[in-house]
Amino acid sequence: MQLVPRDQYPVTANRHRITLSNVAFDPVREEDVIRHVVVALDAGTGGQIITPNVDILRRATREEECHRHIESSTLVVADGAPLIWASRISGDPLPARVPGSDLIWSLSRALGEQRRSVYLLGGEPGTAVQAAAVLRREFPQLTIAGKLSPPFGFDRSEEQLTQICAEVAAARPDLIFVGLGFPKQERLIARLRPMLPNTWFMGCGAAIGFVAGVHRRAPRWMQRTGLEWMHRLLREPHRLSRRYLLHDVPFALQLLGGSVRTRLRRGDRATNTGSESALPPTRHIPAPRDSQDSQDANRPDPVGSGNRP
């Protein structure tokens, strides 16, 4: 399948992309993503959304395959507060964090309003079925084209992989949420996209489990202040401590330090050219609110509410 270049899509066309660690991000908000997907589906055009966080960005700087998955995506949006902070410090700010765990709700709502369909692919056994029931209850006009939680190790069996791809392709959904973790989910998406050129895909990590209620997102105040990773670390220390503490935290600090140097260089250039200001103002990062954590922290704030950084 020949992929349409990112600069030919409505949301990304004629837009200045913001580069962090050699990865170009689309400067869009959640509502921009929703509008783009709806318009593209109306035009019969498929695509892919990828939501890099600090860990994905770190891997993309070191692993060619990971960088390739990002480059082949239609929309690249930042899911990680440190990425937003780094862009603001550098003087080239991304407008907002766009988590995949929010998009699974807002995209489902938008497609439900159009009586379109989604497919849930991923999660632990039974998770996709539970998530489908929740989405069906919340958005009655949304069609659940299918739900499947593949068995562990399915991707190492060509027979199972072929069978799963055939089953998903036969459903012909408008949008497929693939929650298998990066980059496994992107590998499966790369295999499915040629089979479903008019379908949209989003790798959503643990979002299917969040919708199902199998896993719980961090409290809202932790989401807003960039501490969602700490919540996950405390819940799964044996699995995540090495990744977060030895790899991601140092990389985040390096990223922020690089942004400081970038801004200083821009400031020097502005001074040398006599410009009053070569930098746009940085956006204020809101402090945590003192209100009690909501019991439905798995659900996002309403689109456009401005509560996310």
Protein backbone atom coordinates (compact mmCIF):
# COMPACT_ATOMS: atom_id res chain seq x y z
CA MET A 1 0.00 0.00 0.00
CA GLN A 2 1.27 3.47 -0.88
CA LEU A 3 0.90 5.76 2.12
CA VAL A 4 -0.33 9.31 1.64
CA PRO A 5 2.35 11.76 2.80
CA ARG A 6 1.55 13.54 6.05
CA ASP A 7 1.72 16.96 4.36
CA GLN A 8 -1.28 16.07 2.17
CA TYR A 9 -3.71 15.57 5.07
CA PRO A 10 -6.10 18.37 6.12
CA VAL A 11 -4.86 18.69 9.71
CA THR A 12 -1.15 18.52 8.87
CA ALA A 13 -1.09 20.35 5.53
CA ASN A 14 0.72 23.70 5.59
CA ARG A 15 1.47 23.36 9.30
CA HIS A 16 4.81 23.87 10.93
CA ARG A 17 5.74 20.59 12.62
CA ILE A 18 7.53 20.62 15.92
CA THR A 19 10.61 18.43 16.19
CA LEU A 20 11.77 16.75 19.38
CA SER A 21 14.74 14.37 19.23
CA ASN A 22 14.44 14.11 15.45
CA VAL A 23 10.74 13.18 15.58
CA ALA A 24 8.25 15.56 13.96
CA PHE A 25 5.04 16.09 15.91
CA ASP A 26 1.81 17.54 14.56
CA PRO A 27 0.84 20.63 16.58
CA VAL A 28 -2.78 19.63 17.12
CA ARG A 29 -5.28 19.34 19.93
CA GLU A 30 -7.64 16.46 20.61
CA GLU A 31 -10.50 18.12 18.75
CA ASP A 32 -8.26 18.57 15.68
CA VAL A 33 -7.53 14.85 15.63
CA ILE A 34 -11.23 13.99 15.86
CA ARG A 35 -12.14 16.42 13.09
CA HIS A 36 -9.41 15.09 10.85
CA VAL A 37 -10.44 11.44 11.26
CA VAL A 38 -14.11 12.24 10.62
CA VAL A 39 -13.30 14.25 7.47
CA ALA A 40 -10.94 11.56 6.19
CA LEU A 41 -13.50 8.80 6.74
CA ASP A 42 -16.11 10.83 4.86
CA ALA A 43 -13.61 11.05 1.99
CA GLY A 44 -12.96 7.30 2.12
CA THR A 45 -9.39 7.75 3.30
CA GLY A 46 -7.76 5.69 6.02
CA GLY A 47 -4.76 6.46 8.19
CA GLN A 48 -2.94 5.91 11.45
CA ILE A 49 -2.57 7.82 14.70
CA ILE A 50 0.46 7.32 16.91
CA THR A 51 0.83 8.91 20.34
CA PRO A 52 4.50 8.92 21.40
CA ASN A 53 5.33 9.40 25.07
CA VAL A 54 8.80 9.70 26.60
CA ASP A 55 9.48 5.97 26.33
CA ILE A 56 8.41 5.75 22.68
CA LEU A 57 10.40 8.87 21.79
CA ARG A 58 13.47 7.46 23.54
CA ARG A 59 13.19 4.21 21.61
CA ALA A 60 12.65 6.07 18.35
CA THR A 61 15.99 7.83 18.81
CA ARG A 62 17.77 4.49 19.20
CA GLU A 63 15.84 1.93 17.15
CA GLU A 64 15.25 2.31 13.43
CA GLU A 65 12.09 0.19 13.51
CA CYS A 66 10.48 2.40 16.15
CA HIS A 67 11.34 5.57 14.24
CA ARG A 68 9.93 4.01 11.07
CA HIS A 69 6.58 3.32 12.76
CA ILE A 70 6.31 6.99 13.70
CA GLU A 71 7.30 8.21 10.26
CA SER A 72 4.70 6.01 8.55
CA SER A 73 1.87 7.34 10.73
CA THR A 74 -0.59 9.94 9.48
CA LEU A 75 -0.88 11.88 12.72
CA VAL A 76 1.86 12.03 15.36
CA VAL A 77 0.60 13.57 18.60
CA ALA A 78 2.36 13.97 21.93
CA ASP A 79 1.16 11.77 24.80
CA GLY A 80 3.48 12.83 27.59
CA ALA A 81 3.79 15.99 29.67
CA PRO A 82 7.62 16.12 29.40
CA LEU A 83 7.25 16.38 25.62
CA ILE A 84 4.94 19.37 26.02
CA TRP A 85 7.30 20.96 28.55
CA ALA A 86 10.29 20.43 26.26
CA SER A 87 8.52 22.06 23.32
CA ARG A 88 7.51 25.06 25.46
CA ILE A 89 10.99 25.50 26.89
CA SER A 90 12.50 25.41 23.38
CA GLY A 91 10.17 28.21 22.32
CA ASP A 92 8.26 26.10 19.77
CA PRO A 93 5.32 24.86 21.87
CA LEU A 94 3.02 21.98 21.13
CA PRO A 95 -0.53 23.15 21.89
CA ALA A 96 -1.59 20.28 24.15
CA ARG A 97 -1.02 16.75 25.29
CA VAL A 98 -3.21 14.28 23.37
CA PRO A 99 -3.30 10.93 25.23
CA GLY A 100 -4.48 7.82 23.47
CA SER A 101 -6.40 6.98 26.64
CA ASP A 102 -8.54 10.07 25.99
CA LEU A 103 -8.82 9.57 22.24
CA ILE A 104 -10.38 6.13 22.61
CA TRP A 105 -13.36 7.86 24.27
CA SER A 106 -13.61 10.96 22.10
CA LEU A 107 -13.15 9.13 18.81
CA SER A 108 -15.73 6.53 19.83
CA ARG A 109 -18.17 9.31 20.66
CA ALA A 110 -17.57 11.07 17.33
CA LEU A 111 -17.91 7.88 15.30
CA GLY A 112 -21.04 6.95 17.23
CA GLU A 113 -22.60 10.25 16.23
CA GLN A 114 -21.96 9.25 12.62
CA ARG A 115 -23.20 5.71 13.20
CA ARG A 116 -19.79 4.33 12.27
CA SER A 117 -17.92 1.33 13.65
CA VAL A 118 -14.89 0.51 15.76
CA TYR A 119 -12.97 -2.69 16.45
CA LEU A 120 -11.24 -3.39 19.76
CA LEU A 121 -8.09 -5.47 19.36
CA GLY A 122 -5.91 -6.14 22.38
CA GLY A 123 -5.83 -6.38 26.13
CA GLU A 124 -5.80 -9.38 28.41
CA PRO A 125 -8.28 -12.22 27.77
CA GLY A 126 -11.83 -10.89 27.97
CA THR A 127 -10.75 -7.25 28.22
CA ALA A 128 -11.88 -6.28 24.71
CA VAL A 129 -15.30 -7.82 25.34
CA GLN A 130 -15.70 -5.81 28.55
CA ALA A 131 -14.54 -2.61 26.87
CA ALA A 132 -16.96 -3.16 23.99
CA ALA A 133 -19.84 -3.45 26.44
CA VAL A 134 -18.85 -0.15 28.07
CA LEU A 135 -18.57 1.70 24.75
CA ARG A 136 -21.85 0.25 23.54
CA ARG A 137 -23.55 1.45 26.71
CA GLU A 138 -21.99 4.92 26.57
CA PHE A 139 -22.48 5.43 22.83
CA PRO A 140 -25.54 3.42 21.71
CA GLN A 141 -25.24 4.54 18.08
CA LEU A 142 -21.67 3.25 17.83
CA THR A 143 -21.30 -0.08 16.06
CA ILE A 144 -18.83 -2.52 17.62
CA ALA A 145 -17.56 -4.32 14.53
CA GLY A 146 -15.57 -6.78 16.61
CA LYS A 147 -13.59 -7.36 19.78
CA LEU A 148 -10.62 -9.64 20.24
CA SER A 149 -7.94 -10.14 22.85
CA PRO A 150 -5.29 -12.25 21.07
CA PRO A 151 -3.56 -14.99 23.07
CA PHE A 152 -0.07 -14.36 24.40
CA GLY A 153 2.55 -15.07 21.74
CA PHE A 154 0.15 -14.92 18.81
CA ASP A 155 2.56 -12.69 16.90
CA ARG A 156 5.18 -15.45 16.90
CA SER A 157 2.83 -17.83 15.10
CA GLU A 158 2.33 -17.03 11.43
CA GLU A 159 -0.81 -19.18 11.39
CA GLN A 160 -2.41 -17.31 14.32
CA LEU A 161 -1.31 -13.94 12.98
CA THR A 162 -2.79 -14.65 9.58
CA GLN A 163 -6.05 -15.86 11.11
CA ILE A 164 -6.39 -12.77 13.32
CA CYS A 165 -5.66 -10.39 10.45
CA ALA A 166 -8.22 -12.15 8.26
CA GLU A 167 -10.85 -11.94 11.00
CA VAL A 168 -10.26 -8.24 11.58
CA ALA A 169 -10.16 -7.42 7.87
CA ALA A 170 -13.44 -9.26 7.29
CA ALA A 171 -15.19 -6.95 9.80
CA ARG A 172 -14.20 -3.86 7.76
CA PRO A 173 -14.45 -1.39 10.67
CA ASP A 174 -14.01 2.35 10.30
CA LEU A 175 -11.52 2.55 13.17
CA ILE A 176 -9.45 -0.07 14.96
CA PHE A 177 -8.03 0.47 18.44
CA VAL A 178 -5.00 -1.81 18.83
CA GLY A 179 -3.86 -2.17 22.42
CA LEU A 180 -0.83 -4.45 22.50
CA GLY A 181 1.91 -2.08 23.59
CA PHE A 182 4.53 -0.36 21.45
CA PRO A 183 5.87 -1.50 19.03
CA LYS A 184 3.94 -4.79 18.86
CA GLN A 185 0.70 -2.99 18.12
CA GLU A 186 2.35 -0.92 15.37
CA ARG A 187 3.73 -4.07 13.74
CA LEU A 188 0.22 -5.48 13.57
CA ILE A 189 -1.15 -2.19 12.25
CA ALA A 190 1.50 -2.19 9.52
CA ARG A 191 0.28 -5.62 8.48
CA LEU A 192 -3.39 -4.66 8.54
CA ARG A 193 -3.24 -1.27 6.80
CA PRO A 194 -2.76 -2.66 3.26
CA MET A 195 -5.75 -4.94 3.87
CA LEU A 196 -7.97 -2.04 5.04
CA PRO A 197 -6.93 1.10 3.15
CA ASN A 198 -10.10 3.00 4.13
CA THR A 199 -9.79 2.24 7.86
CA TRP A 200 -8.18 4.30 10.60
CA PHE A 201 -5.90 2.72 13.20
CA MET A 202 -4.63 3.85 16.58
CA GLY A 203 -2.17 2.03 18.80
CA CYS A 204 -3.60 2.67 22.24
CA GLY A 205 -1.49 0.66 24.70
CA ALA A 206 -3.44 0.03 27.90
CA ALA A 207 -6.45 2.17 26.89
CA ILE A 208 -8.72 -0.81 26.16
CA GLY A 209 -8.09 -2.01 29.71
CA PHE A 210 -8.86 1.46 31.05
CA VAL A 211 -12.20 1.52 29.23
CA ALA A 212 -13.02 -1.97 30.48
CA GLY A 213 -12.15 -1.01 34.05
CA VAL A 214 -9.55 -3.78 34.26
CA HIS A 215 -6.83 -1.18 34.84
CA ARG A 216 -7.17 2.21 36.48
CA ARG A 217 -5.63 5.43 35.23
CA ALA A 218 -3.84 7.79 37.54
CA PRO A 219 -5.94 10.35 39.42
CA ARG A 220 -6.73 13.45 37.40
CA TRP A 221 -4.24 15.62 39.30
CA MET A 222 -1.43 13.22 38.42
CA GLN A 223 -2.48 13.20 34.77
CA ARG A 224 -2.46 17.00 34.65
CA THR A 225 0.91 17.41 36.36
CA GLY A 226 2.85 14.85 34.36
CA LEU A 227 2.99 12.19 37.09
CA GLU A 228 0.92 9.49 35.42
CA TRP A 229 4.11 7.48 34.93
CA MET A 230 4.65 7.48 38.70
CA HIS A 231 1.19 6.01 39.22
CA ARG A 232 1.98 3.18 36.80
CA LEU A 233 5.39 2.63 38.37
CA LEU A 234 3.84 2.22 41.83
CA ARG A 235 1.31 -0.27 40.47
CA GLU A 236 3.82 -2.34 38.48
CA PRO A 237 7.27 -1.74 40.01
CA HIS A 238 8.83 -5.03 38.94
CA ARG A 239 7.90 -4.55 35.31
CA LEU A 240 8.43 -0.81 34.96
CA SER A 241 11.15 0.27 37.40
CA ARG A 242 14.07 -0.45 35.08
CA ARG A 243 12.38 1.13 32.06
CA TYR A 244 11.24 4.25 33.85
CA LEU A 245 14.06 4.92 36.31
CA LEU A 246 17.09 3.76 34.33
CA HIS A 247 15.99 4.80 30.85
CA ASP A 248 13.01 7.16 30.64
CA VAL A 249 13.75 9.60 33.48
CA PRO A 250 17.34 10.25 32.30
CA PHE A 251 16.10 10.63 28.74
CA ALA A 252 13.40 13.11 29.84
CA LEU A 253 16.01 15.18 31.68
CA GLN A 254 18.24 15.08 28.61
CA LEU A 255 15.31 16.16 26.44
CA LEU A 256 14.51 19.10 28.71
CA GLY A 257 18.17 20.11 28.87
CA GLY A 258 18.38 20.03 25.09
CA SER A 259 15.34 22.29 24.89
CA VAL A 260 17.00 24.81 27.20
CA ARG A 261 20.07 24.86 24.93
CA THR A 262 17.85 25.25 21.85
CA ARG A 263 16.09 28.24 23.38
CA LEU A 264 19.36 29.86 24.38
CA ARG A 265 20.70 29.45 20.84
CA ARG A 266 17.53 31.02 19.45
CA GLY A 267 17.87 33.87 21.91
CA ASP A 268 21.46 34.46 20.80
CA ARG A 269 20.38 34.56 17.15
CA ALA A 270 17.56 36.99 17.97
CA THR A 271 20.03 39.27 19.81
CA ASN A 272 22.55 39.14 16.98
CA THR A 273 19.92 40.07 14.39
CA GLY A 274 18.51 42.86 16.54
CA SER A 275 15.07 41.25 16.77
CA GLU A 276 12.99 42.24 19.78
CA SER A 277 11.69 38.74 20.22
CA ALA A 278 12.13 35.61 18.11
CA LEU A 279 10.21 33.40 20.49
CA PRO A 280 6.50 32.88 21.05
CA PRO A 281 5.39 33.07 24.68
CA THR A 282 5.41 29.81 26.60
CA ARG A 283 2.10 28.49 27.83
CA HIS A 284 1.37 28.36 31.55
CA ILE A 285 1.45 24.83 32.97
CA PRO A 286 -1.48 24.61 35.40
CA ALA A 287 -0.84 23.56 38.97
CA PRO A 288 -2.71 20.59 40.42
CA ARG A 289 -6.17 21.34 41.68
CA ASP A 290 -7.03 20.56 45.28
CA SER A 291 -10.35 18.95 44.47
CA GLN A 292 -10.98 15.33 45.39
CA ASP A 293 -9.94 12.82 42.75
CA SER A 294 -12.81 11.77 40.57
CA GLN A 295 -13.95 8.21 40.82
CA ASP A 296 -14.01 8.01 37.04
CA ALA A 297 -10.36 8.94 36.46
CA ASN A 298 -10.32 6.48 33.56
CA ARG A 299 -12.52 8.91 31.65
CA PRO A 300 -11.00 12.03 30.08
CA ASP A 301 -12.04 15.62 30.60
CA PRO A 302 -14.45 16.87 27.93
CA VAL A 303 -12.76 17.71 24.63
CA GLY A 304 -11.70 21.32 24.54
CA SER A 305 -12.13 21.82 28.29
CA GLY A 306 -8.54 23.03 28.63
CA ASN A 307 -7.91 20.92 31.73
CA ARG A 308 -5.00 19.02 30.21
CA PRO A 309 -1.59 20.65 29.80
